[in-house]
Amino acid sequence: MHNSAARNKPRPMSPHLQIYRPQLTSVLSVLHRGCGMGLGAGAFAFIAWIAALAIGAETYSLFMYCAKSILGQLFLFGISFSFFYHLCCGIRHLVFDACFCLDIKTAYLTGYAVLAGSALMTAATWLKAYGVL
C-alpha cells in the first residue's frame, strides 16, 4: 500500500511560502503584526521620554536632541504610521468579525482604503506638527 520511499520523503510544512504568491490581504496581515511590534518599541520610547522628563532638564534636553535628529524623526514617523495603520486595520478586522465586507473585491477595496487612510492621517499629523496645516 504505502511506498517506503514516499513515507521517508520530507514533506513541506504548511503553508509553504515558496509556493504561494503574496496577496494584498496576506501582506496587510503581516504589516499589521509588524506595526503592532513597532508600537511596542514606541511604548518604550514614550517611557524613556517620561523618564527623561522626570530625571531633569539635562536628561530631557539630551532626549529631545535625539528625538529631533534625522534618525529620531524617522523613528517617530514610523511609529506614527504604525499607530494609524494598526488603528485602521483593527477597525477593518472588526468589520470582518461582524461578517461584513468578506468578498474578495471588498476585502481588497478596504485594504487599499486602510493604506490610503493611514498615509493620509500620518501626513496630516506631521504637517500639523510642522505648522503647515
C-alpha atoms as a PDB file:
ATOM      1  CA  MET A   1       0.000   0.000   0.000  1.00  0.00           C
ATOM      2  CA  HIS A   2       2.498   2.613   1.140  1.00  0.00           C
ATOM      3  CA  ASN A   3       5.779   3.047  -0.567  1.00  0.00           C
ATOM      4  CA  SER A   4       8.579   3.298   1.996  1.00  0.00           C
ATOM      5  CA  ALA A   5      10.450   5.818  -0.190  1.00  0.00           C
ATOM      6  CA  ALA A   6       7.405   8.101  -0.242  1.00  0.00           C
ATOM      7  CA  ARG A   7       6.977   7.678   3.503  1.00  0.00           C
ATOM      8  CA  ASN A   8      10.556   8.801   4.206  1.00  0.00           C
ATOM      9  CA  LYS A   9      10.435  11.772   1.825  1.00  0.00           C
ATOM     10  CA  PRO A  10      10.340  15.087   3.772  1.00  0.00           C
ATOM     11  CA  ARG A  11       7.114  16.949   3.197  1.00  0.00           C
ATOM     12  CA  PRO A  12       6.887  20.736   3.064  1.00  0.00           C
ATOM     13  CA  MET A  13       5.420  22.498   6.055  1.00  0.00           C
ATOM     14  CA  SER A  14       2.080  24.154   5.527  1.00  0.00           C
ATOM     15  CA  PRO A  15       1.654  26.826   4.353  1.00  0.00           C
ATOM     16  CA  HIS A  16       4.588  26.544   2.041  1.00  0.00           C
ATOM     17  CA  LEU A  17       5.522  30.186   1.472  1.00  0.00           C
ATOM     18  CA  GLN A  18       7.693  29.433  -1.552  1.00  0.00           C
ATOM     19  CA  ILE A  19       4.655  28.158  -3.436  1.00  0.00           C
ATOM     20  CA  TYR A  20       2.137  30.914  -2.726  1.00  0.00           C
ATOM     21  CA  ARG A  21       2.376  34.354  -4.287  1.00  0.00           C
ATOM     22  CA  PRO A  22       1.932  37.153  -1.732  1.00  0.00           C
ATOM     23  CA  GLN A  23      -1.539  38.699  -1.892  1.00  0.00           C
ATOM     24  CA  LEU A  24      -2.640  42.095  -0.624  1.00  0.00           C
ATOM     25  CA  THR A  25      -4.569  40.551   2.254  1.00  0.00           C
ATOM     26  CA  SER A  26      -1.622  38.467   3.440  1.00  0.00           C
ATOM     27  CA  VAL A  27       0.814  41.381   3.120  1.00  0.00           C
ATOM     28  CA  LEU A  28      -1.568  43.625   5.088  1.00  0.00           C
ATOM     29  CA  SER A  29      -1.859  40.970   7.780  1.00  0.00           C
ATOM     30  CA  VAL A  30       1.917  40.699   8.157  1.00  0.00           C
ATOM     31  CA  LEU A  31       2.211  44.504   8.163  1.00  0.00           C
ATOM     32  CA  HIS A  32      -0.478  44.689  10.868  1.00  0.00           C
ATOM     33  CA  ARG A  33       1.534  42.378  13.102  1.00  0.00           C
ATOM     34  CA  GLY A  34       4.759  44.232  12.347  1.00  0.00           C
ATOM     35  CA  CYS A  35       3.169  47.569  13.184  1.00  0.00           C
ATOM     36  CA  GLY A  36       1.935  46.096  16.461  1.00  0.00           C
ATOM     37  CA  MET A  37       5.519  45.188  17.332  1.00  0.00           C
ATOM     38  CA  GLY A  38       6.644  48.655  16.261  1.00  0.00           C
ATOM     39  CA  LEU A  39       4.123  50.171  18.633  1.00  0.00           C
ATOM     40  CA  GLY A  40       5.776  48.192  21.405  1.00  0.00           C
ATOM     41  CA  ALA A  41       9.057  49.933  20.546  1.00  0.00           C
ATOM     42  CA  GLY A  42       7.153  53.216  20.562  1.00  0.00           C
ATOM     43  CA  ALA A  43       5.888  52.454  24.051  1.00  0.00           C
ATOM     44  CA  PHE A  44       9.482  52.075  25.261  1.00  0.00           C
ATOM     45  CA  ALA A  45      10.360  55.410  23.631  1.00  0.00           C
ATOM     46  CA  PHE A  46       7.374  57.025  25.352  1.00  0.00           C
ATOM     47  CA  ILE A  47       8.506  55.624  28.721  1.00  0.00           C
ATOM     48  CA  ALA A  48      12.039  56.923  28.044  1.00  0.00           C
ATOM     49  CA  TRP A  49      10.582  60.373  27.275  1.00  0.00           C
ATOM     50  CA  ILE A  50       8.618  60.400  30.551  1.00  0.00           C
ATOM     51  CA  ALA A  51      11.671  59.159  32.474  1.00  0.00           C
ATOM     52  CA  ALA A  52      13.884  61.838  30.912  1.00  0.00           C
ATOM     53  CA  LEU A  53      11.327  64.444  31.887  1.00  0.00           C
ATOM     54  CA  ALA A  54      11.269  63.151  35.455  1.00  0.00           C
ATOM     55  CA  ILE A  55      15.056  62.919  35.803  1.00  0.00           C
ATOM     56  CA  GLY A  56      15.736  66.535  34.948  1.00  0.00           C
ATOM     57  CA  ALA A  57      16.317  69.250  32.383  1.00  0.00           C
ATOM     58  CA  GLU A  58      19.717  67.996  31.205  1.00  0.00           C
ATOM     59  CA  THR A  59      18.461  64.457  30.522  1.00  0.00           C
ATOM     60  CA  TYR A  60      15.313  65.799  28.883  1.00  0.00           C
ATOM     61  CA  SER A  61      17.395  68.079  26.625  1.00  0.00           C
ATOM     62  CA  LEU A  62      19.511  65.090  25.578  1.00  0.00           C
ATOM     63  CA  PHE A  63      16.396  63.036  24.833  1.00  0.00           C
ATOM     64  CA  MET A  64      14.866  65.864  22.774  1.00  0.00           C
ATOM     65  CA  TYR A  65      18.147  66.314  20.892  1.00  0.00           C
ATOM     66  CA  CYS A  66      17.967  62.638  19.900  1.00  0.00           C
ATOM     67  CA  ALA A  67      14.254  62.839  19.053  1.00  0.00           C
ATOM     68  CA  LYS A  68      14.830  65.871  16.813  1.00  0.00           C
ATOM     69  CA  SER A  69      17.675  64.220  14.896  1.00  0.00           C
ATOM     70  CA  ILE A  70      17.050  62.748  11.450  1.00  0.00           C
ATOM     71  CA  LEU A  71      17.088  59.217  12.859  1.00  0.00           C
ATOM     72  CA  GLY A  72      14.759  60.231  15.702  1.00  0.00           C
ATOM     73  CA  GLN A  73      12.348  61.880  13.274  1.00  0.00           C
ATOM     74  CA  LEU A  74      12.329  58.765  11.064  1.00  0.00           C
ATOM     75  CA  PHE A  75      11.631  56.624  14.121  1.00  0.00           C
ATOM     76  CA  LEU A  76       8.774  58.901  15.220  1.00  0.00           C
ATOM     77  CA  PHE A  77       7.380  58.991  11.682  1.00  0.00           C
ATOM     78  CA  GLY A  78       7.414  55.175  11.588  1.00  0.00           C
ATOM     79  CA  ILE A  79       5.713  54.994  14.971  1.00  0.00           C
ATOM     80  CA  SER A  80       3.008  57.426  13.878  1.00  0.00           C
ATOM     81  CA  PHE A  81       2.378  55.452  10.666  1.00  0.00           C
ATOM     82  CA  SER A  82       2.324  52.238  12.711  1.00  0.00           C
ATOM     83  CA  PHE A  83      -0.260  53.744  15.044  1.00  0.00           C
ATOM     84  CA  PHE A  84      -2.588  54.891  12.274  1.00  0.00           C
ATOM     85  CA  TYR A  85      -2.159  51.703  10.230  1.00  0.00           C
ATOM     86  CA  HIS A  86      -2.783  49.488  13.259  1.00  0.00           C
ATOM     87  CA  LEU A  87      -5.867  51.563  14.122  1.00  0.00           C
ATOM     88  CA  CYS A  88      -7.329  51.432  10.597  1.00  0.00           C
ATOM     89  CA  CYS A  89      -6.535  47.755  10.142  1.00  0.00           C
ATOM     90  CA  GLY A  90      -8.048  46.950  13.544  1.00  0.00           C
ATOM     91  CA  ILE A  91     -11.277  48.687  12.528  1.00  0.00           C
ATOM     92  CA  ARG A  92     -11.228  46.737   9.254  1.00  0.00           C
ATOM     93  CA  HIS A  93     -10.907  43.486  11.209  1.00  0.00           C
ATOM     94  CA  LEU A  94     -13.812  44.487  13.476  1.00  0.00           C
ATOM     95  CA  VAL A  95     -15.914  44.922  10.334  1.00  0.00           C
ATOM     96  CA  PHE A  96     -14.760  41.483   9.151  1.00  0.00           C
ATOM     97  CA  ASP A  97     -15.613  39.987  12.562  1.00  0.00           C
ATOM     98  CA  ALA A  98     -19.144  41.358  12.168  1.00  0.00           C
ATOM     99  CA  CYS A  99     -19.338  39.353   8.889  1.00  0.00           C
ATOM    100  CA  PHE A 100     -19.303  42.371   6.583  1.00  0.00           C
ATOM    101  CA  CYS A 101     -17.089  43.045   3.556  1.00  0.00           C
ATOM    102  CA  LEU A 102     -15.864  39.469   3.291  1.00  0.00           C
ATOM    103  CA  ASP A 103     -15.970  39.077  -0.504  1.00  0.00           C
ATOM    104  CA  ILE A 104     -12.639  39.351  -2.315  1.00  0.00           C
ATOM    105  CA  LYS A 105     -13.394  42.608  -4.146  1.00  0.00           C
ATOM    106  CA  THR A 106     -14.478  44.427  -0.968  1.00  0.00           C
ATOM    107  CA  ALA A 107     -11.611  42.944   1.055  1.00  0.00           C
ATOM    108  CA  TYR A 108      -9.158  44.394  -1.446  1.00  0.00           C
ATOM    109  CA  LEU A 109     -11.005  47.716  -1.550  1.00  0.00           C
ATOM    110  CA  THR A 110     -10.915  48.006   2.256  1.00  0.00           C
ATOM    111  CA  GLY A 111      -7.238  47.008   2.217  1.00  0.00           C
ATOM    112  CA  TYR A 112      -6.383  49.862  -0.124  1.00  0.00           C
ATOM    113  CA  ALA A 113      -8.567  52.178   1.985  1.00  0.00           C
ATOM    114  CA  VAL A 114      -6.575  51.206   5.097  1.00  0.00           C
ATOM    115  CA  LEU A 115      -3.300  52.019   3.341  1.00  0.00           C
ATOM    116  CA  ALA A 116      -4.611  55.334   1.988  1.00  0.00           C
ATOM    117  CA  GLY A 117      -6.208  56.327   5.293  1.00  0.00           C
ATOM    118  CA  SER A 118      -3.055  55.511   7.243  1.00  0.00           C
ATOM    119  CA  ALA A 119      -0.892  57.507   4.849  1.00  0.00           C
ATOM    120  CA  LEU A 120      -3.263  60.482   4.915  1.00  0.00           C
ATOM    121  CA  MET A 121      -3.552  60.532   8.711  1.00  0.00           C
ATOM    122  CA  THR A 122       0.215  60.228   9.115  1.00  0.00           C
ATOM    123  CA  ALA A 123       0.831  63.018   6.620  1.00  0.00           C
ATOM    124  CA  ALA A 124      -1.783  65.253   8.267  1.00  0.00           C
ATOM    125  CA  THR A 125      -0.248  64.665  11.693  1.00  0.00           C
ATOM    126  CA  TRP A 126       3.262  65.558  10.540  1.00  0.00           C
ATOM    127  CA  LEU A 127       2.114  68.539   8.505  1.00  0.00           C
ATOM    128  CA  LYS A 128       0.264  69.818  11.575  1.00  0.00           C
ATOM    129  CA  ALA A 129       3.311  69.182  13.784  1.00  0.00           C
ATOM    130  CA  TYR A 130       5.493  71.260  11.452  1.00  0.00           C
ATOM    131  CA  GLY A 131       2.892  74.051  11.272  1.00  0.00           C
ATOM    132  CA  VAL A 132       2.000  73.527   7.617  1.00  0.00           C
ATOM    133  CA  LEU A 133      -1.671  72.845   8.378  1.00  0.00           C
END
